[in-house]
């Protein structure tokens, strides 16, 4: 797994990645999503991004064969979640 040097780097990347998706969601998108209307959905795009982050974190942790390396990767993600960058949307939830 390639990881940034510092948790701050990953936190900034997640804010940019998720912020791009979340800022595109409008009230009408929420209503359309709840009514399950077909078509392109900004909420679905944000959800897919969140799911990709969750899977990436899981793979990063489980990729390590020994417990010591796995522990270090987990610490990195926890430190990333602790970085105070408003707003982090769902990335903190996905990491923890």
Protein backbone atom coordinates (compact mmCIF):
# COMPACT_ATOMS: atom_id res chain seq x y z
CA UNK A 1 0.00 0.00 0.00
CA UNK A 2 1.31 3.42 -0.92
CA UNK A 3 0.56 5.91 1.82
CA UNK A 4 1.26 9.60 2.23
CA UNK A 5 4.11 10.55 4.52
CA UNK A 6 1.82 12.20 7.04
CA UNK A 7 -1.80 11.62 8.14
CA UNK A 8 -2.40 15.30 7.30
CA UNK A 9 -1.69 14.56 3.62
CA UNK A 10 -4.33 11.84 3.51
CA UNK A 11 -6.83 13.95 5.47
CA UNK A 12 -6.46 16.79 2.96
CA UNK A 13 -6.87 14.39 0.05
CA UNK A 14 -10.04 12.94 1.57
CA UNK A 15 -11.51 16.39 2.18
CA UNK A 16 -10.90 17.31 -1.46
CA UNK A 17 -12.20 14.00 -2.78
CA UNK A 18 -15.35 13.92 -0.70
CA UNK A 19 -15.93 17.65 -0.77
CA UNK A 20 -16.16 17.52 -4.54
CA UNK A 21 -18.97 14.97 -4.29
CA UNK A 22 -20.86 16.46 -1.33
CA UNK A 23 -20.89 20.04 -2.63
CA UNK A 24 -22.77 18.87 -5.72
CA UNK A 25 -25.70 17.48 -3.71
CA UNK A 26 -28.78 19.69 -3.86
CA UNK A 27 -32.05 19.47 -1.96
CA UNK A 28 -33.76 18.19 -5.10
CA UNK A 29 -31.19 15.37 -5.27
CA UNK A 30 -32.18 14.27 -1.77
CA UNK A 31 -35.86 14.20 -2.71
CA UNK A 32 -35.13 12.29 -5.93
CA UNK A 33 -33.00 9.81 -4.02
CA UNK A 34 -35.71 9.20 -1.43
CA UNK A 35 -38.27 8.71 -4.19
CA UNK A 36 -35.87 6.32 -5.92
CA UNK A 37 -36.14 8.15 -9.21
CA UNK A 38 -33.97 6.73 -11.99
CA UNK A 39 -31.12 8.69 -13.48
CA UNK A 40 -27.78 10.12 -12.48
CA UNK A 41 -27.62 10.72 -8.74
CA UNK A 42 -25.15 12.92 -6.92
CA UNK A 43 -26.04 11.10 -3.71
CA UNK A 44 -25.19 7.78 -5.34
CA UNK A 45 -21.87 9.23 -6.54
CA UNK A 46 -21.03 10.40 -3.00
CA UNK A 47 -22.04 7.01 -1.59
CA UNK A 48 -19.89 5.16 -4.12
CA UNK A 49 -16.92 7.36 -3.22
CA UNK A 50 -17.48 6.62 0.47
CA UNK A 51 -17.66 2.89 -0.24
CA UNK A 52 -14.40 3.05 -2.20
CA UNK A 53 -12.72 4.76 0.76
CA UNK A 54 -14.05 2.10 3.15
CA UNK A 55 -12.76 -0.69 0.92
CA UNK A 56 -9.40 1.02 0.46
CA UNK A 57 -8.94 1.36 4.23
CA UNK A 58 -9.95 -2.27 4.81
CA UNK A 59 -7.59 -3.52 2.11
CA UNK A 60 -4.77 -1.38 3.47
CA UNK A 61 -5.16 -2.88 6.93
CA UNK A 62 -5.78 -6.47 5.87
CA UNK A 63 -3.00 -6.45 3.26
CA UNK A 64 -0.39 -6.62 6.01
CA UNK A 65 0.65 -10.16 6.84
CA UNK A 66 2.02 -9.64 10.32
CA UNK A 67 0.37 -8.02 13.29
CA UNK A 68 3.05 -5.37 13.79
CA UNK A 69 2.67 -3.96 10.27
CA UNK A 70 -1.11 -4.15 10.49
CA UNK A 71 -0.94 -2.20 13.75
CA UNK A 72 1.18 0.52 12.14
CA UNK A 73 -1.23 0.90 9.23
CA UNK A 74 -4.17 1.07 11.62
CA UNK A 75 -2.37 3.75 13.69
CA UNK A 76 -1.80 5.75 10.52
CA UNK A 77 -5.52 5.68 9.68
CA UNK A 78 -6.50 6.57 13.25
CA UNK A 79 -4.11 9.53 13.23
CA UNK A 80 -5.59 10.58 9.90
CA UNK A 81 -9.07 10.50 11.43
CA UNK A 82 -7.84 12.67 14.31
CA UNK A 83 -6.61 15.47 12.01
CA UNK A 84 -8.76 18.55 12.53
CA UNK A 85 -9.71 19.67 9.02
CA UNK A 86 -13.26 20.90 8.64
CA UNK A 87 -15.24 19.43 7.01
CA UNK A 88 -14.20 15.81 6.64
CA UNK A 89 -17.69 14.58 5.77
CA UNK A 90 -17.81 10.82 6.10
CA UNK A 91 -14.11 10.03 5.79
CA UNK A 92 -13.56 9.92 9.54
CA UNK A 93 -16.41 7.45 9.92
CA UNK A 94 -14.96 5.28 7.16
CA UNK A 95 -11.50 5.25 8.65
CA UNK A 96 -12.58 4.50 12.20
